């Protein structure tokens, strides 16, 4: 499992996103615990050292006991989720209506404008949770605006005259 995690999930997902997001903001990020010697050691340790029953990170938690309080070491795992649902209904509501306006969507011709409007309305009324789908459609439309619509025509180079 560790091999698959390292070769696929970490490389294709976690590390890739961390790298791209940090570079986009001009921030140098160091991902903890990826020192090659430490990874090599962790791979060679037997599973019973790394886990206690179904509790993962047993060795790491033992090593951190002198440094971290028990409530930090023993708390349940929590993910980070951006408050996308809230943003789309509040702070980004105007942007949703601008980017996904029927005129924009009809002109682009990729999405069914009426269907998208029904989706946005149902999401705002909270009869469905379409936040991630709405956000995905917005990203596609904004990408098209940035990289397709605003493409600047490059004038043809003038032929060189050799005298």
N, C-alpha and C. Protein backbone atom coordinates (compact mmCIF):
# COMPACT_ATOMS: atom_id res chain seq x y z
N UNK A 1 0.83 -1.19 0.00
CA UNK A 1 0.00 0.00 0.00
C UNK A 1 0.87 1.26 0.00
N UNK A 2 1.95 1.21 0.77
CA UNK A 2 2.84 2.38 0.80
C UNK A 2 3.44 2.65 -0.58
N UNK A 3 3.81 1.59 -1.27
CA UNK A 3 4.38 1.74 -2.61
C UNK A 3 3.38 2.43 -3.54
N UNK A 4 2.14 1.93 -3.54
CA UNK A 4 1.11 2.53 -4.40
C UNK A 4 0.86 3.98 -4.01
N UNK A 5 0.79 4.23 -2.72
CA UNK A 5 0.58 5.60 -2.23
C UNK A 5 1.68 6.54 -2.71
N UNK A 6 2.92 6.11 -2.56
CA UNK A 6 4.05 6.95 -2.94
C UNK A 6 4.14 7.15 -4.45
N UNK A 7 3.92 6.08 -5.20
CA UNK A 7 4.09 6.16 -6.65
C UNK A 7 2.92 6.83 -7.36
N UNK A 8 1.75 6.77 -6.79
CA UNK A 8 0.57 7.28 -7.51
C UNK A 8 -0.11 8.43 -6.79
N UNK A 9 -0.70 8.18 -5.63
CA UNK A 9 -1.51 9.21 -4.97
C UNK A 9 -0.68 10.42 -4.58
N UNK A 10 0.45 10.20 -3.91
CA UNK A 10 1.27 11.34 -3.51
C UNK A 10 1.78 12.12 -4.72
N UNK A 11 2.36 11.40 -5.67
CA UNK A 11 2.95 12.07 -6.83
C UNK A 11 1.91 12.72 -7.73
N UNK A 12 0.82 12.02 -7.99
CA UNK A 12 -0.17 12.52 -8.95
C UNK A 12 -1.19 13.45 -8.33
N UNK A 13 -1.32 13.46 -7.03
CA UNK A 13 -2.36 14.24 -6.41
C UNK A 13 -1.78 15.24 -5.41
N UNK A 14 -1.45 14.77 -4.23
CA UNK A 14 -1.05 15.67 -3.15
C UNK A 14 0.15 16.55 -3.49
N UNK A 15 1.24 15.94 -3.90
CA UNK A 15 2.45 16.72 -4.16
C UNK A 15 2.30 17.62 -5.38
N UNK A 16 1.60 17.13 -6.38
CA UNK A 16 1.37 17.90 -7.60
C UNK A 16 0.60 19.18 -7.27
N UNK A 17 -0.49 19.05 -6.51
CA UNK A 17 -1.30 20.22 -6.16
C UNK A 17 -0.53 21.17 -5.25
N UNK A 18 0.18 20.62 -4.28
CA UNK A 18 0.97 21.46 -3.38
C UNK A 18 1.98 22.28 -4.19
N UNK A 19 2.65 21.62 -5.11
CA UNK A 19 3.66 22.29 -5.93
C UNK A 19 3.04 23.38 -6.80
N UNK A 20 1.96 23.06 -7.49
CA UNK A 20 1.33 24.03 -8.38
C UNK A 20 0.76 25.23 -7.62
N UNK A 21 0.10 24.97 -6.51
CA UNK A 21 -0.51 26.07 -5.75
C UNK A 21 0.55 26.96 -5.12
N UNK A 22 1.62 26.36 -4.63
CA UNK A 22 2.66 27.18 -4.02
C UNK A 22 3.40 28.00 -5.09
N UNK A 23 3.68 27.39 -6.25
CA UNK A 23 4.35 28.12 -7.32
C UNK A 23 3.48 29.27 -7.83
N UNK A 24 2.17 29.04 -7.89
CA UNK A 24 1.26 30.09 -8.37
C UNK A 24 1.29 31.31 -7.47
N UNK A 25 1.65 31.11 -6.20
CA UNK A 25 1.70 32.22 -5.25
C UNK A 25 3.13 32.66 -4.95
N UNK A 26 4.09 32.06 -5.62
CA UNK A 26 5.49 32.44 -5.41
C UNK A 26 6.01 32.01 -4.04
N UNK A 27 5.51 30.90 -3.53
CA UNK A 27 5.90 30.41 -2.21
C UNK A 27 6.67 29.11 -2.38
N UNK A 28 7.77 29.01 -1.65
CA UNK A 28 8.55 27.77 -1.65
C UNK A 28 8.03 26.89 -0.53
N UNK A 29 7.57 25.70 -0.85
CA UNK A 29 6.99 24.79 0.13
C UNK A 29 7.90 23.60 0.34
N UNK A 30 8.08 23.24 1.58
CA UNK A 30 8.81 22.03 1.92
C UNK A 30 7.78 21.07 2.52
N UNK A 31 7.63 19.92 1.92
CA UNK A 31 6.66 18.94 2.41
C UNK A 31 7.35 18.09 3.47
N UNK A 32 6.78 18.06 4.69
CA UNK A 32 7.47 17.32 5.77
C UNK A 32 7.51 15.82 5.52
N UNK A 33 8.50 15.20 6.10
CA UNK A 33 8.65 13.75 6.10
C UNK A 33 8.98 13.16 4.73
N UNK A 34 9.46 13.94 3.77
CA UNK A 34 9.81 13.37 2.48
C UNK A 34 11.31 13.36 2.22
N UNK A 35 12.07 13.50 3.26
CA UNK A 35 13.51 13.32 3.15
C UNK A 35 13.76 11.88 2.71
N UNK A 36 14.61 11.69 1.71
CA UNK A 36 14.82 10.35 1.13
C UNK A 36 15.28 9.33 2.16
N UNK A 37 16.17 9.74 3.07
CA UNK A 37 16.64 8.79 4.10
C UNK A 37 15.51 8.40 5.04
N UNK A 38 14.66 9.35 5.39
CA UNK A 38 13.53 9.06 6.27
C UNK A 38 12.52 8.15 5.57
N UNK A 39 12.25 8.41 4.31
CA UNK A 39 11.32 7.56 3.54
C UNK A 39 11.90 6.15 3.44
N UNK A 40 13.18 6.04 3.16
CA UNK A 40 13.83 4.72 3.05
C UNK A 40 13.70 3.95 4.37
N UNK A 41 13.93 4.64 5.48
CA UNK A 41 13.79 4.00 6.79
C UNK A 41 12.34 3.55 7.01
N UNK A 42 11.38 4.42 6.73
CA UNK A 42 9.96 4.10 6.95
C UNK A 42 9.51 2.90 6.12
N UNK A 43 10.01 2.80 4.89
CA UNK A 43 9.64 1.68 4.02
C UNK A 43 10.15 0.36 4.59
N UNK A 44 11.33 0.40 5.21
CA UNK A 44 11.93 -0.83 5.72
C UNK A 44 11.37 -1.27 7.07
N UNK A 45 10.66 -0.41 7.79
CA UNK A 45 10.12 -0.78 9.10
C UNK A 45 8.97 -1.77 8.95
N UNK A 46 8.87 -2.73 9.84
CA UNK A 46 7.75 -3.67 9.76
C UNK A 46 6.43 -2.97 10.10
N UNK A 47 5.33 -3.44 9.53
CA UNK A 47 4.03 -2.78 9.74
C UNK A 47 3.64 -2.64 11.21
N UNK A 48 3.96 -3.62 12.05
CA UNK A 48 3.56 -3.55 13.45
C UNK A 48 4.24 -2.40 14.19
N UNK A 49 5.36 -1.90 13.66
CA UNK A 49 6.01 -0.74 14.27
C UNK A 49 5.29 0.55 13.87
N UNK A 50 4.79 0.56 12.65
CA UNK A 50 4.12 1.76 12.14
C UNK A 50 2.67 1.86 12.57
N UNK A 51 2.06 0.72 12.85
CA UNK A 51 0.64 0.70 13.22
C UNK A 51 0.44 -0.07 14.51
N UNK A 52 -0.56 0.34 15.26
CA UNK A 52 -0.98 -0.42 16.44
C UNK A 52 -2.44 -0.79 16.20
N UNK A 53 -2.67 -2.04 15.80
CA UNK A 53 -4.02 -2.43 15.41
C UNK A 53 -4.40 -1.68 14.14
N UNK A 54 -5.48 -0.95 14.20
CA UNK A 54 -5.92 -0.16 13.04
C UNK A 54 -5.52 1.31 13.19
N UNK A 55 -4.69 1.61 14.19
CA UNK A 55 -4.27 3.00 14.41
C UNK A 55 -2.94 3.25 13.69
N UNK A 56 -3.01 4.08 12.67
CA UNK A 56 -1.82 4.40 11.87
C UNK A 56 -0.96 5.44 12.59
N UNK A 57 0.23 5.61 12.10
CA UNK A 57 1.18 6.61 12.58
C UNK A 57 1.60 6.40 14.04
N UNK A 58 1.59 5.16 14.50
CA UNK A 58 1.93 4.87 15.89
C UNK A 58 3.34 5.33 16.24
N UNK A 59 4.30 5.04 15.37
CA UNK A 59 5.68 5.42 15.62
C UNK A 59 5.84 6.94 15.64
N UNK A 60 5.23 7.59 14.70
CA UNK A 60 5.29 9.06 14.64
C UNK A 60 4.68 9.68 15.90
N UNK A 61 3.55 9.14 16.34
CA UNK A 61 2.90 9.68 17.54
C UNK A 61 3.77 9.46 18.78
N UNK A 62 4.41 8.29 18.86
CA UNK A 62 5.32 8.05 20.00
C UNK A 62 6.50 9.02 19.96
N UNK A 63 7.03 9.25 18.78
CA UNK A 63 8.18 10.15 18.66
C UNK A 63 7.81 11.59 19.02
N UNK A 64 6.57 11.97 18.79
CA UNK A 64 6.13 13.35 19.04
C UNK A 64 5.58 13.57 20.44
N UNK A 65 5.42 12.50 21.23
CA UNK A 65 4.86 12.64 22.59
C UNK A 65 5.56 13.69 23.44
N UNK A 66 6.89 13.77 23.42
CA UNK A 66 7.53 14.79 24.26
C UNK A 66 7.29 16.23 23.76
N UNK A 67 6.87 16.36 22.52
CA UNK A 67 6.75 17.69 21.93
C UNK A 67 5.32 18.21 21.79
N UNK A 68 4.34 17.31 21.71
CA UNK A 68 2.96 17.72 21.45
C UNK A 68 2.03 17.25 22.56
N UNK A 69 1.01 18.06 22.87
CA UNK A 69 0.04 17.62 23.88
C UNK A 69 -0.80 16.45 23.38
N UNK A 70 -1.31 15.63 24.31
CA UNK A 70 -2.08 14.43 23.97
C UNK A 70 -3.30 14.77 23.12
N UNK A 71 -3.96 15.90 23.38
CA UNK A 71 -5.16 16.23 22.59
C UNK A 71 -4.83 16.50 21.12
N UNK A 72 -3.61 16.88 20.83
CA UNK A 72 -3.19 17.05 19.43
C UNK A 72 -2.84 15.68 18.84
N UNK A 73 -2.08 14.89 19.56
CA UNK A 73 -1.66 13.58 19.06
C UNK A 73 -2.83 12.61 18.85
N UNK A 74 -3.85 12.72 19.66
CA UNK A 74 -4.93 11.74 19.62
C UNK A 74 -6.23 12.24 18.99
N UNK A 75 -6.20 13.41 18.44
CA UNK A 75 -7.44 13.92 17.84
C UNK A 75 -7.72 13.19 16.53
N UNK A 76 -9.01 13.15 16.14
CA UNK A 76 -9.34 12.47 14.88
C UNK A 76 -8.82 13.27 13.68
N UNK A 77 -8.59 12.55 12.62
CA UNK A 77 -8.11 13.18 11.38
C UNK A 77 -9.22 14.09 10.83
N UNK A 78 -8.81 15.27 10.40
CA UNK A 78 -9.76 16.19 9.78
C UNK A 78 -9.17 16.69 8.48
N UNK A 79 -9.99 16.81 7.50
CA UNK A 79 -9.54 17.34 6.23
C UNK A 79 -9.76 18.85 6.19
N UNK A 80 -9.23 19.46 5.18
CA UNK A 80 -9.48 20.89 4.98
C UNK A 80 -10.38 21.04 3.78
N UNK A 81 -11.46 21.70 4.00
CA UNK A 81 -12.36 21.97 2.89
C UNK A 81 -12.63 23.47 2.82
N UNK A 82 -12.48 24.02 1.67
CA UNK A 82 -12.81 25.44 1.49
C UNK A 82 -14.33 25.58 1.61
N UNK A 83 -14.80 26.68 2.15
CA UNK A 83 -16.24 26.88 2.31
C UNK A 83 -16.92 27.24 0.99
N UNK A 84 -16.76 26.38 0.00
CA UNK A 84 -17.24 26.64 -1.35
C UNK A 84 -18.74 26.89 -1.39
N UNK A 85 -19.49 26.06 -0.70
CA UNK A 85 -20.96 26.21 -0.71
C UNK A 85 -21.36 27.61 -0.25
N UNK A 86 -20.77 28.04 0.85
CA UNK A 86 -21.06 29.37 1.40
C UNK A 86 -20.64 30.46 0.41
N UNK A 87 -19.43 30.36 -0.12
CA UNK A 87 -18.93 31.38 -1.04
C UNK A 87 -19.85 31.54 -2.25
N UNK A 88 -20.27 30.41 -2.84
CA UNK A 88 -21.09 30.49 -4.05
C UNK A 88 -22.45 31.13 -3.77
N UNK A 89 -22.95 30.99 -2.55
CA UNK A 89 -24.25 31.58 -2.21
C UNK A 89 -24.13 33.01 -1.69
N UNK A 90 -22.92 33.43 -1.31
CA UNK A 90 -22.75 34.74 -0.70
C UNK A 90 -21.70 35.58 -1.45
N UNK A 91 -20.44 35.48 -1.02
CA UNK A 91 -19.39 36.33 -1.58
C UNK A 91 -19.23 36.19 -3.09
N UNK A 92 -19.42 35.01 -3.64
CA UNK A 92 -19.22 34.80 -5.09
C UNK A 92 -20.53 34.75 -5.88
N UNK A 93 -21.65 35.06 -5.21
CA UNK A 93 -22.96 34.95 -5.86
C UNK A 93 -23.02 35.79 -7.14
N UNK A 94 -22.57 37.03 -7.05
CA UNK A 94 -22.58 37.92 -8.23
C UNK A 94 -21.72 37.35 -9.36
N UNK A 95 -20.57 36.81 -8.99
CA UNK A 95 -19.67 36.24 -9.98
C UNK A 95 -20.32 35.02 -10.65
N UNK A 96 -21.01 34.19 -9.87
CA UNK A 96 -21.70 33.03 -10.44
C UNK A 96 -22.69 33.51 -11.50
N UNK A 97 -23.47 34.53 -11.17
CA UNK A 97 -24.48 35.02 -12.11
C UNK A 97 -23.86 35.69 -13.33
N UNK A 98 -22.71 36.31 -13.16
CA UNK A 98 -22.02 36.92 -14.30
C UNK A 98 -21.41 35.86 -15.20
N UNK A 99 -20.59 35.00 -14.61
CA UNK A 99 -19.86 34.00 -15.38
C UNK A 99 -20.82 32.99 -16.03
N UNK A 100 -21.89 32.65 -15.33
CA UNK A 100 -22.82 31.65 -15.84
C UNK A 100 -24.12 32.28 -16.34
N UNK A 101 -24.03 33.50 -16.80
CA UNK A 101 -25.24 34.16 -17.33
C UNK A 101 -25.69 33.42 -18.59
N UNK A 102 -27.02 33.42 -18.85
CA UNK A 102 -27.50 32.74 -20.05
C UNK A 102 -26.82 33.25 -21.32
N UNK A 103 -26.57 34.55 -21.38
CA UNK A 103 -25.92 35.11 -22.58
C UNK A 103 -24.51 34.51 -22.76
N UNK A 104 -23.74 34.48 -21.69
CA UNK A 104 -22.38 33.91 -21.76
C UNK A 104 -22.41 32.46 -22.20
N UNK A 105 -23.28 31.69 -21.55
CA UNK A 105 -23.31 30.26 -21.85
C UNK A 105 -23.83 29.97 -23.26
N UNK A 106 -24.80 30.74 -23.71
CA UNK A 106 -25.31 30.54 -25.07
C UNK A 106 -24.25 30.90 -26.09
N UNK A 107 -23.55 32.00 -25.84
CA UNK A 107 -22.50 32.44 -26.77
C UNK A 107 -21.37 31.40 -26.84
N UNK A 108 -21.02 30.84 -25.70
CA UNK A 108 -19.93 29.86 -25.66
C UNK A 108 -20.38 28.57 -26.34
N UNK A 109 -21.60 28.14 -26.07
CA UNK A 109 -22.14 26.95 -26.72
C UNK A 109 -21.66 25.62 -26.18
N UNK A 110 -21.08 25.61 -25.01
CA UNK A 110 -20.60 24.35 -24.43
C UNK A 110 -21.68 23.73 -23.53
N UNK A 111 -22.28 24.56 -22.69
CA UNK A 111 -23.26 24.09 -21.72
C UNK A 111 -24.66 24.55 -22.09
N UNK A 112 -25.66 23.78 -21.69
CA UNK A 112 -27.06 24.14 -21.88
C UNK A 112 -27.37 25.25 -20.87
N UNK A 113 -27.57 26.47 -21.37
CA UNK A 113 -27.76 27.63 -20.50
C UNK A 113 -28.96 27.47 -19.57
N UNK A 114 -30.08 26.94 -20.08
CA UNK A 114 -31.27 26.77 -19.25
C UNK A 114 -31.02 25.75 -18.14
N UNK A 115 -30.32 24.68 -18.46
CA UNK A 115 -30.01 23.65 -17.45
C UNK A 115 -29.09 24.22 -16.37
N UNK A 116 -28.12 25.01 -16.77
CA UNK A 116 -27.20 25.61 -15.79
C UNK A 116 -27.97 26.59 -14.91
N UNK A 117 -28.88 27.36 -15.48
CA UNK A 117 -29.68 28.30 -14.69
C UNK A 117 -30.54 27.54 -13.67
N UNK A 118 -31.12 26.41 -14.08
CA UNK A 118 -31.92 25.60 -13.14
C UNK A 118 -31.03 25.08 -12.02
N UNK A 119 -29.82 24.66 -12.37
CA UNK A 119 -28.87 24.18 -11.38
C UNK A 119 -28.53 25.26 -10.37
N UNK A 120 -28.20 26.46 -10.86
CA UNK A 120 -27.83 27.58 -9.99
C UNK A 120 -29.00 27.94 -9.07
N UNK A 121 -30.19 28.03 -9.63
CA UNK A 121 -31.38 28.38 -8.85
C UNK A 121 -31.65 27.32 -7.78
N UNK A 122 -31.62 26.05 -8.14
CA UNK A 122 -31.85 24.97 -7.18
C UNK A 122 -30.79 24.98 -6.08
N UNK A 123 -29.56 25.28 -6.45
CA UNK A 123 -28.49 25.36 -5.46
C UNK A 123 -28.73 26.51 -4.49
N UNK A 124 -29.12 27.67 -5.02
CA UNK A 124 -29.37 28.83 -4.16
C UNK A 124 -30.56 28.60 -3.23
N UNK A 125 -31.55 27.86 -3.69
CA UNK A 125 -32.73 27.54 -2.87
C UNK A 125 -32.44 26.39 -1.91
N UNK A 126 -31.27 25.78 -2.07
CA UNK A 126 -30.83 24.65 -1.25
C UNK A 126 -31.68 23.40 -1.44
N UNK A 127 -32.33 23.31 -2.59
CA UNK A 127 -33.07 22.08 -2.87
C UNK A 127 -32.12 20.99 -3.36
N UNK A 128 -30.94 21.38 -3.83
CA UNK A 128 -29.86 20.44 -4.16
C UNK A 128 -28.54 21.08 -3.73
N UNK A 129 -27.50 20.29 -3.69
CA UNK A 129 -26.16 20.83 -3.48
C UNK A 129 -25.40 20.65 -4.78
N UNK A 130 -25.41 21.70 -5.58
CA UNK A 130 -24.72 21.67 -6.86
C UNK A 130 -23.45 22.49 -6.85
N UNK A 131 -22.94 22.79 -5.66
CA UNK A 131 -21.80 23.70 -5.53
C UNK A 131 -20.59 23.29 -6.35
N UNK A 132 -20.20 22.02 -6.24
CA UNK A 132 -18.98 21.60 -6.94
C UNK A 132 -19.18 21.54 -8.45
N UNK A 133 -20.38 21.20 -8.88
CA UNK A 133 -20.66 21.20 -10.32
C UNK A 133 -20.68 22.65 -10.84
N UNK A 134 -21.32 23.54 -10.11
CA UNK A 134 -21.35 24.96 -10.50
C UNK A 134 -19.93 25.50 -10.56
N UNK A 135 -19.14 25.20 -9.55
CA UNK A 135 -17.77 25.69 -9.51
C UNK A 135 -16.96 25.15 -10.70
N UNK A 136 -17.18 23.88 -11.04
CA UNK A 136 -16.47 23.28 -12.18
C UNK A 136 -16.86 23.97 -13.49
N UNK A 137 -18.13 24.24 -13.67
CA UNK A 137 -18.59 24.93 -14.89
C UNK A 137 -18.01 26.33 -14.93
N UNK A 138 -18.00 27.01 -13.79
CA UNK A 138 -17.40 28.35 -13.72
C UNK A 138 -15.93 28.31 -14.11
N UNK A 139 -15.21 27.32 -13.60
CA UNK A 139 -13.77 27.22 -13.92
C UNK A 139 -13.55 27.03 -15.41
N UNK A 140 -14.37 26.21 -16.04
CA UNK A 140 -14.23 26.01 -17.49
C UNK A 140 -14.51 27.30 -18.23
N UNK A 141 -15.58 27.99 -17.86
CA UNK A 141 -15.92 29.25 -18.53
C UNK A 141 -14.82 30.30 -18.32
N UNK A 142 -14.31 30.40 -17.09
CA UNK A 142 -13.26 31.39 -16.81
C UNK A 142 -11.97 31.02 -17.54
N UNK A 143 -11.68 29.73 -17.65
CA UNK A 143 -10.49 29.30 -18.40
C UNK A 143 -10.65 29.70 -19.87
N UNK A 144 -11.84 29.47 -20.41
CA UNK A 144 -12.09 29.83 -21.81
C UNK A 144 -11.93 31.33 -22.02
N UNK A 145 -12.43 32.12 -21.09
CA UNK A 145 -12.29 33.57 -21.19
C UNK A 145 -10.82 33.98 -21.16
N UNK A 146 -10.07 33.35 -20.29
CA UNK A 146 -8.66 33.72 -20.12
C UNK A 146 -7.79 33.25 -21.27
N UNK A 147 -7.96 32.01 -21.70
CA UNK A 147 -7.02 31.43 -22.65
C UNK A 147 -7.53 31.31 -24.08
N UNK A 148 -8.81 31.47 -24.29
CA UNK A 148 -9.33 31.38 -25.65
C UNK A 148 -9.81 32.74 -26.13
N UNK A 149 -10.70 33.37 -25.35
CA UNK A 149 -11.29 34.65 -25.77
C UNK A 149 -10.27 35.77 -25.84
N UNK A 150 -9.36 35.82 -24.88
CA UNK A 150 -8.45 36.96 -24.82
C UNK A 150 -7.12 36.69 -25.51
N UNK A 151 -7.11 35.67 -26.35
CA UNK A 151 -5.89 35.37 -27.10
C UNK A 151 -5.61 36.55 -28.02
N UNK A 152 -4.44 37.10 -27.90
CA UNK A 152 -4.06 38.25 -28.70
C UNK A 152 -3.47 37.77 -30.02
N UNK A 153 -3.96 38.33 -31.09
CA UNK A 153 -3.42 37.95 -32.40
C UNK A 153 -1.99 38.46 -32.51
N UNK A 154 -1.11 37.58 -32.88
CA UNK A 154 0.29 37.95 -33.06
C UNK A 154 0.48 38.29 -34.53
N UNK A 155 0.92 39.52 -34.81
CA UNK A 155 1.10 39.87 -36.22
C UNK A 155 2.16 39.00 -36.88
N UNK A 156 1.94 38.72 -38.13
CA UNK A 156 2.91 37.92 -38.89
C UNK A 156 4.22 38.68 -38.98
N UNK A 157 5.30 37.96 -38.89
CA UNK A 157 6.60 38.60 -39.01
C UNK A 157 6.82 39.07 -40.42
N UNK A 158 7.43 40.23 -40.53
CA UNK A 158 7.72 40.75 -41.86
C UNK A 158 8.93 40.02 -42.42
N UNK A 159 8.90 39.73 -43.70
CA UNK A 159 10.05 39.03 -44.27
C UNK A 159 11.31 39.89 -44.16
N UNK A 160 12.40 39.24 -43.90
CA UNK A 160 13.66 39.96 -43.82
C UNK A 160 14.12 40.30 -45.24
N UNK A 161 14.57 41.52 -45.37
CA UNK A 161 15.12 41.87 -46.69
C UNK A 161 16.64 41.82 -46.59
N UNK A 162 17.22 41.13 -47.51
CA UNK A 162 18.67 41.01 -47.51
C UNK A 162 19.17 41.88 -48.66
N UNK A 163 19.91 42.88 -48.30
CA UNK A 163 20.39 43.78 -49.34
C UNK A 163 21.83 43.50 -49.67
